[in-house]
Amino acid sequence: MPWYNGDYPPSYKNQPVYLREKAVEIANEIIKESGDEGIAIATGLKRARQYFEEHPEEIPENEK
């Protein structure tokens, strides 16, 4: 089940908005490939965190 428009996995609830949106984007792509929501949720969050560690300039100013 892909997530969109503010619909996201409960485990993403307390994440910053910018991180949550990136994680949902990644998780949706993983679901398209594998169909496994559990793996998509965990991997989406992990890869989103890695992305922002590598690209801190992408973090919105009000979130720093």
PDB file of N, CA and C in Angstrom:
ATOM      1  N   MET A   1       0.844  -1.182   0.000  1.00  0.00           N
ATOM      2  CA  MET A   1       0.000   0.000   0.000  1.00  0.00           C
ATOM      3  C   MET A   1       0.887   1.242   0.000  1.00  0.00           C
ATOM      4  N   PRO A   2       0.915   1.988  -1.068  1.00  0.00           N
ATOM      5  CA  PRO A   2       1.731   3.204  -1.087  1.00  0.00           C
ATOM      6  C   PRO A   2       1.145   4.288  -0.177  1.00  0.00           C
ATOM      7  N   TRP A   3       2.008   5.146   0.305  1.00  0.00           N
ATOM      8  CA  TRP A   3       1.595   6.236   1.189  1.00  0.00           C
ATOM      9  C   TRP A   3       1.694   7.560   0.434  1.00  0.00           C
ATOM     10  N   TYR A   4       0.805   8.488   0.765  1.00  0.00           N
ATOM     11  CA  TYR A   4       0.808   9.792   0.117  1.00  0.00           C
ATOM     12  C   TYR A   4      -0.062  10.766   0.900  1.00  0.00           C
ATOM     13  N   ASN A   5       0.086  12.061   0.617  1.00  0.00           N
ATOM     14  CA  ASN A   5      -0.740  13.137   1.184  1.00  0.00           C
ATOM     15  C   ASN A   5      -0.938  13.039   2.690  1.00  0.00           C
ATOM     16  N   GLY A   6       0.153  12.956   3.418  1.00  0.00           N
ATOM     17  CA  GLY A   6       0.057  12.928   4.871  1.00  0.00           C
ATOM     18  C   GLY A   6      -0.238  11.564   5.448  1.00  0.00           C
ATOM     19  N   ASP A   7      -0.448  10.582   4.600  1.00  0.00           N
ATOM     20  CA  ASP A   7      -0.653   9.209   5.057  1.00  0.00           C
ATOM     21  C   ASP A   7       0.725   8.559   5.099  1.00  0.00           C
ATOM     22  N   TYR A   8       1.137   8.091   6.264  1.00  0.00           N
ATOM     23  CA  TYR A   8       2.458   7.498   6.396  1.00  0.00           C
ATOM     24  C   TYR A   8       2.430   6.437   7.488  1.00  0.00           C
ATOM     25  N   PRO A   9       3.430   5.570   7.524  1.00  0.00           N
ATOM     26  CA  PRO A   9       3.472   4.522   8.540  1.00  0.00           C
ATOM     27  C   PRO A   9       3.556   5.127   9.945  1.00  0.00           C
ATOM     28  N   PRO A  10       2.931   4.504  10.929  1.00  0.00           N
ATOM     29  CA  PRO A  10       2.968   5.019  12.301  1.00  0.00           C
ATOM     30  C   PRO A  10       4.387   5.209  12.838  1.00  0.00           C
ATOM     31  N   SER A  11       5.317   4.396  12.413  1.00  0.00           N
ATOM     32  CA  SER A  11       6.692   4.528  12.911  1.00  0.00           C
ATOM     33  C   SER A  11       7.368   5.808  12.418  1.00  0.00           C
ATOM     34  N   TYR A  12       6.787   6.474  11.449  1.00  0.00           N
ATOM     35  CA  TYR A  12       7.330   7.736  10.946  1.00  0.00           C
ATOM     36  C   TYR A  12       6.743   8.942  11.692  1.00  0.00           C
ATOM     37  N   LYS A  13       5.796   8.718  12.557  1.00  0.00           N
ATOM     38  CA  LYS A  13       5.023   9.785  13.193  1.00  0.00           C
ATOM     39  C   LYS A  13       5.881  10.865  13.846  1.00  0.00           C
ATOM     40  N   ASN A  14       6.887  10.491  14.597  1.00  0.00           N
ATOM     41  CA  ASN A  14       7.669  11.469  15.350  1.00  0.00           C
ATOM     42  C   ASN A  14       8.913  11.963  14.618  1.00  0.00           C
ATOM     43  N   GLN A  15       9.011  11.669  13.351  1.00  0.00           N
ATOM     44  CA  GLN A  15      10.153  12.126  12.563  1.00  0.00           C
ATOM     45  C   GLN A  15       9.881  13.539  12.044  1.00  0.00           C
ATOM     46  N   PRO A  16      10.938  14.328  11.834  1.00  0.00           N
ATOM     47  CA  PRO A  16      10.737  15.652  11.232  1.00  0.00           C
ATOM     48  C   PRO A  16      10.067  15.512   9.861  1.00  0.00           C
ATOM     49  N   VAL A  17       9.303  16.506   9.489  1.00  0.00           N
ATOM     50  CA  VAL A  17       8.530  16.451   8.247  1.00  0.00           C
ATOM     51  C   VAL A  17       9.425  16.177   7.041  1.00  0.00           C
ATOM     52  N   TYR A  18      10.543  16.883   6.931  1.00  0.00           N
ATOM     53  CA  TYR A  18      11.415  16.690   5.767  1.00  0.00           C
ATOM     54  C   TYR A  18      11.924  15.251   5.691  1.00  0.00           C
ATOM     55  N   LEU A  19      12.257  14.658   6.831  1.00  0.00           N
ATOM     56  CA  LEU A  19      12.750  13.283   6.861  1.00  0.00           C
ATOM     57  C   LEU A  19      11.628  12.305   6.548  1.00  0.00           C
ATOM     58  N   ARG A  20      10.478  12.551   7.111  1.00  0.00           N
ATOM     59  CA  ARG A  20       9.314  11.682   6.876  1.00  0.00           C
ATOM     60  C   ARG A  20       8.932  11.673   5.398  1.00  0.00           C
ATOM     61  N   GLU A  21       8.908  12.837   4.768  1.00  0.00           N
ATOM     62  CA  GLU A  21       8.536  12.911   3.350  1.00  0.00           C
ATOM     63  C   GLU A  21       9.530  12.159   2.469  1.00  0.00           C
ATOM     64  N   LYS A  22      10.812  12.299   2.765  1.00  0.00           N
ATOM     65  CA  LYS A  22      11.827  11.583   1.985  1.00  0.00           C
ATOM     66  C   LYS A  22      11.713  10.083   2.229  1.00  0.00           C
ATOM     67  N   ALA A  23      11.483   9.675   3.471  1.00  0.00           N
ATOM     68  CA  ALA A  23      11.346   8.255   3.803  1.00  0.00           C
ATOM     69  C   ALA A  23      10.142   7.647   3.096  1.00  0.00           C
ATOM     70  N   VAL A  24       9.035   8.373   3.041  1.00  0.00           N
ATOM     71  CA  VAL A  24       7.840   7.887   2.345  1.00  0.00           C
ATOM     72  C   VAL A  24       8.130   7.740   0.851  1.00  0.00           C
ATOM     73  N   GLU A  25       8.810   8.711   0.280  1.00  0.00           N
ATOM     74  CA  GLU A  25       9.171   8.645  -1.142  1.00  0.00           C
ATOM     75  C   GLU A  25      10.007   7.388  -1.428  1.00  0.00           C
ATOM     76  N   ILE A  26      10.995   7.142  -0.599  1.00  0.00           N
ATOM     77  CA  ILE A  26      11.859   5.971  -0.779  1.00  0.00           C
ATOM     78  C   ILE A  26      11.078   4.686  -0.535  1.00  0.00           C
ATOM     79  N   ALA A  27      10.286   4.656   0.534  1.00  0.00           N
ATOM     80  CA  ALA A  27       9.509   3.454   0.861  1.00  0.00           C
ATOM     81  C   ALA A  27       8.536   3.100  -0.256  1.00  0.00           C
ATOM     82  N   ASN A  28       7.910   4.088  -0.856  1.00  0.00           N
ATOM     83  CA  ASN A  28       6.984   3.821  -1.963  1.00  0.00           C
ATOM     84  C   ASN A  28       7.704   3.169  -3.142  1.00  0.00           C
ATOM     85  N   GLU A  29       8.913   3.604  -3.422  1.00  0.00           N
ATOM     86  CA  GLU A  29       9.686   2.994  -4.510  1.00  0.00           C
ATOM     87  C   GLU A  29      10.045   1.548  -4.171  1.00  0.00           C
ATOM     88  N   ILE A  30      10.381   1.294  -2.923  1.00  0.00           N
ATOM     89  CA  ILE A  30      10.729  -0.069  -2.511  1.00  0.00           C
ATOM     90  C   ILE A  30       9.511  -0.979  -2.607  1.00  0.00           C
ATOM     91  N   ILE A  31       8.350  -0.472  -2.231  1.00  0.00           N
ATOM     92  CA  ILE A  31       7.125  -1.275  -2.332  1.00  0.00           C
ATOM     93  C   ILE A  31       6.851  -1.652  -3.788  1.00  0.00           C
ATOM     94  N   LYS A  32       7.075  -0.713  -4.699  1.00  0.00           N
ATOM     95  CA  LYS A  32       6.871  -1.010  -6.121  1.00  0.00           C
ATOM     96  C   LYS A  32       7.763  -2.164  -6.568  1.00  0.00           C
ATOM     97  N   GLU A  33       8.978  -2.202  -6.029  1.00  0.00           N
ATOM     98  CA  GLU A  33       9.939  -3.231  -6.426  1.00  0.00           C
ATOM     99  C   GLU A  33       9.700  -4.561  -5.722  1.00  0.00           C
ATOM    100  N   SER A  34       9.513  -4.511  -4.397  1.00  0.00           N
ATOM    101  CA  SER A  34       9.468  -5.760  -3.627  1.00  0.00           C
ATOM    102  C   SER A  34       8.083  -6.147  -3.136  1.00  0.00           C
ATOM    103  N   GLY A  35       7.239  -5.157  -2.883  1.00  0.00           N
ATOM    104  CA  GLY A  35       5.914  -5.437  -2.350  1.00  0.00           C
ATOM    105  C   GLY A  35       5.889  -5.703  -0.856  1.00  0.00           C
ATOM    106  N   ASP A  36       7.030  -5.635  -0.191  1.00  0.00           N
ATOM    107  CA  ASP A  36       7.120  -5.922   1.242  1.00  0.00           C
ATOM    108  C   ASP A  36       7.096  -4.616   2.043  1.00  0.00           C
ATOM    109  N   GLU A  37       5.970  -4.347   2.709  1.00  0.00           N
ATOM    110  CA  GLU A  37       5.826  -3.094   3.450  1.00  0.00           C
ATOM    111  C   GLU A  37       6.802  -2.978   4.609  1.00  0.00           C
ATOM    112  N   GLY A  38       7.024  -4.061   5.327  1.00  0.00           N
ATOM    113  CA  GLY A  38       7.927  -4.021   6.480  1.00  0.00           C
ATOM    114  C   GLY A  38       9.329  -3.601   6.094  1.00  0.00           C
ATOM    115  N   ILE A  39       9.837  -4.204   5.047  1.00  0.00           N
ATOM    116  CA  ILE A  39      11.173  -3.848   4.561  1.00  0.00           C
ATOM    117  C   ILE A  39      11.167  -2.422   4.027  1.00  0.00           C
ATOM    118  N   ALA A  40      10.115  -2.046   3.327  1.00  0.00           N
ATOM    119  CA  ALA A  40      10.025  -0.700   2.754  1.00  0.00           C
ATOM    120  C   ALA A  40      10.035   0.366   3.844  1.00  0.00           C
ATOM    121  N   ILE A  41       9.310   0.137   4.923  1.00  0.00           N
ATOM    122  CA  ILE A  41       9.238   1.117   6.012  1.00  0.00           C
ATOM    123  C   ILE A  41      10.609   1.305   6.653  1.00  0.00           C
ATOM    124  N   ALA A  42      11.238   0.206   7.028  1.00  0.00           N
ATOM    125  CA  ALA A  42      12.539   0.287   7.695  1.00  0.00           C
ATOM    126  C   ALA A  42      13.614   0.856   6.773  1.00  0.00           C
ATOM    127  N   THR A  43      13.643   0.374   5.554  1.00  0.00           N
ATOM    128  CA  THR A  43      14.664   0.812   4.610  1.00  0.00           C
ATOM    129  C   THR A  43      14.447   2.263   4.195  1.00  0.00           C
ATOM    130  N   GLY A  44      13.201   2.665   4.033  1.00  0.00           N
ATOM    131  CA  GLY A  44      12.905   4.047   3.669  1.00  0.00           C
ATOM    132  C   GLY A  44      13.437   5.026   4.691  1.00  0.00           C
ATOM    133  N   LEU A  45      13.224   4.731   5.965  1.00  0.00           N
ATOM    134  CA  LEU A  45      13.696   5.619   7.024  1.00  0.00           C
ATOM    135  C   LEU A  45      15.222   5.612   7.097  1.00  0.00           C
ATOM    136  N   LYS A  46      15.808   4.451   6.986  1.00  0.00           N
ATOM    137  CA  LYS A  46      17.272   4.348   7.035  1.00  0.00           C
ATOM    138  C   LYS A  46      17.916   5.131   5.892  1.00  0.00           C
ATOM    139  N   ARG A  47      17.403   4.939   4.688  1.00  0.00           N
ATOM    140  CA  ARG A  47      17.982   5.625   3.522  1.00  0.00           C
ATOM    141  C   ARG A  47      17.730   7.129   3.560  1.00  0.00           C
ATOM    142  N   ALA A  48      16.594   7.542   4.094  1.00  0.00           N
ATOM    143  CA  ALA A  48      16.312   8.981   4.220  1.00  0.00           C
ATOM    144  C   ALA A  48      17.306   9.622   5.184  1.00  0.00           C
ATOM    145  N   ARG A  49      17.575   8.949   6.294  1.00  0.00           N
ATOM    146  CA  ARG A  49      18.568   9.475   7.246  1.00  0.00           C
ATOM    147  C   ARG A  49      19.940   9.571   6.593  1.00  0.00           C
ATOM    148  N   GLN A  50      20.320   8.546   5.846  1.00  0.00           N
ATOM    149  CA  GLN A  50      21.608   8.566   5.141  1.00  0.00           C
ATOM    150  C   GLN A  50      21.657   9.711   4.136  1.00  0.00           C
ATOM    151  N   TYR A  51      20.558   9.911   3.425  1.00  0.00           N
ATOM    152  CA  TYR A  51      20.497  10.976   2.427  1.00  0.00           C
ATOM    153  C   TYR A  51      20.784  12.333   3.068  1.00  0.00           C
ATOM    154  N   PHE A  52      20.131  12.611   4.190  1.00  0.00           N
ATOM    155  CA  PHE A  52      20.312  13.922   4.812  1.00  0.00           C
ATOM    156  C   PHE A  52      21.651  14.048   5.529  1.00  0.00           C
ATOM    157  N   GLU A  53      22.265  12.937   5.915  1.00  0.00           N
ATOM    158  CA  GLU A  53      23.628  12.998   6.443  1.00  0.00           C
ATOM    159  C   GLU A  53      24.595  13.393   5.330  1.00  0.00           C
ATOM    160  N   GLU A  54      24.346  12.879   4.134  1.00  0.00           N
ATOM    161  CA  GLU A  54      25.206  13.168   2.992  1.00  0.00           C
ATOM    162  C   GLU A  54      24.877  14.507   2.331  1.00  0.00           C
ATOM    163  N   HIS A  55      23.653  15.003   2.520  1.00  0.00           N
ATOM    164  CA  HIS A  55      23.204  16.254   1.895  1.00  0.00           C
ATOM    165  C   HIS A  55      22.562  17.175   2.941  1.00  0.00           C
ATOM    166  N   PRO A  56      23.327  17.637   3.917  1.00  0.00           N
ATOM    167  CA  PRO A  56      22.733  18.484   4.967  1.00  0.00           C
ATOM    168  C   PRO A  56      22.167  19.798   4.435  1.00  0.00           C
ATOM    169  N   GLU A  57      22.625  20.219   3.270  1.00  0.00           N
ATOM    170  CA  GLU A  57      22.097  21.458   2.685  1.00  0.00           C
ATOM    171  C   GLU A  57      20.638  21.315   2.268  1.00  0.00           C
ATOM    172  N   GLU A  58      20.151  20.092   2.168  1.00  0.00           N
ATOM    173  CA  GLU A  58      18.758  19.831   1.796  1.00  0.00           C
ATOM    174  C   GLU A  58      17.799  19.956   2.986  1.00  0.00           C
ATOM    175  N   ILE A  59      18.341  20.021   4.197  1.00  0.00           N
ATOM    176  CA  ILE A  59      17.493  20.146   5.386  1.00  0.00           C
ATOM    177  C   ILE A  59      16.970  21.581   5.439  1.00  0.00           C
ATOM    178  N   PRO A  60      15.656  21.755   5.553  1.00  0.00           N
ATOM    179  CA  PRO A  60      15.098  23.111   5.619  1.00  0.00           C
ATOM    180  C   PRO A  60      15.693  23.906   6.783  1.00  0.00           C
ATOM    181  N   GLU A  61      15.886  25.190   6.578  1.00  0.00           N
ATOM    182  CA  GLU A  61      16.492  26.057   7.592  1.00  0.00           C
ATOM    183  C   GLU A  61      15.758  26.000   8.931  1.00  0.00           C
ATOM    184  N   ASN A  62      14.443  25.937   8.892  1.00  0.00           N
ATOM    185  CA  ASN A  62      13.679  25.937  10.140  1.00  0.00           C
ATOM    186  C   ASN A  62      13.755  24.595  10.866  1.00  0.00           C
ATOM    187  N   GLU A  63      14.401  23.597  10.277  1.00  0.00           N
ATOM    188  CA  GLU A  63      14.526  22.271  10.889  1.00  0.00           C
ATOM    189  C   GLU A  63      15.926  22.019  11.443  1.00  0.00           C
ATOM    190  N   LYS A  64      16.841  22.945  11.223  1.00  0.00           N
ATOM    191  CA  LYS A  64      18.231  22.729  11.662  1.00  0.00           C
ATOM    192  C   LYS A  64      18.399  23.044  13.118  1.00  0.00           C
TER     193      LYS A  64
END
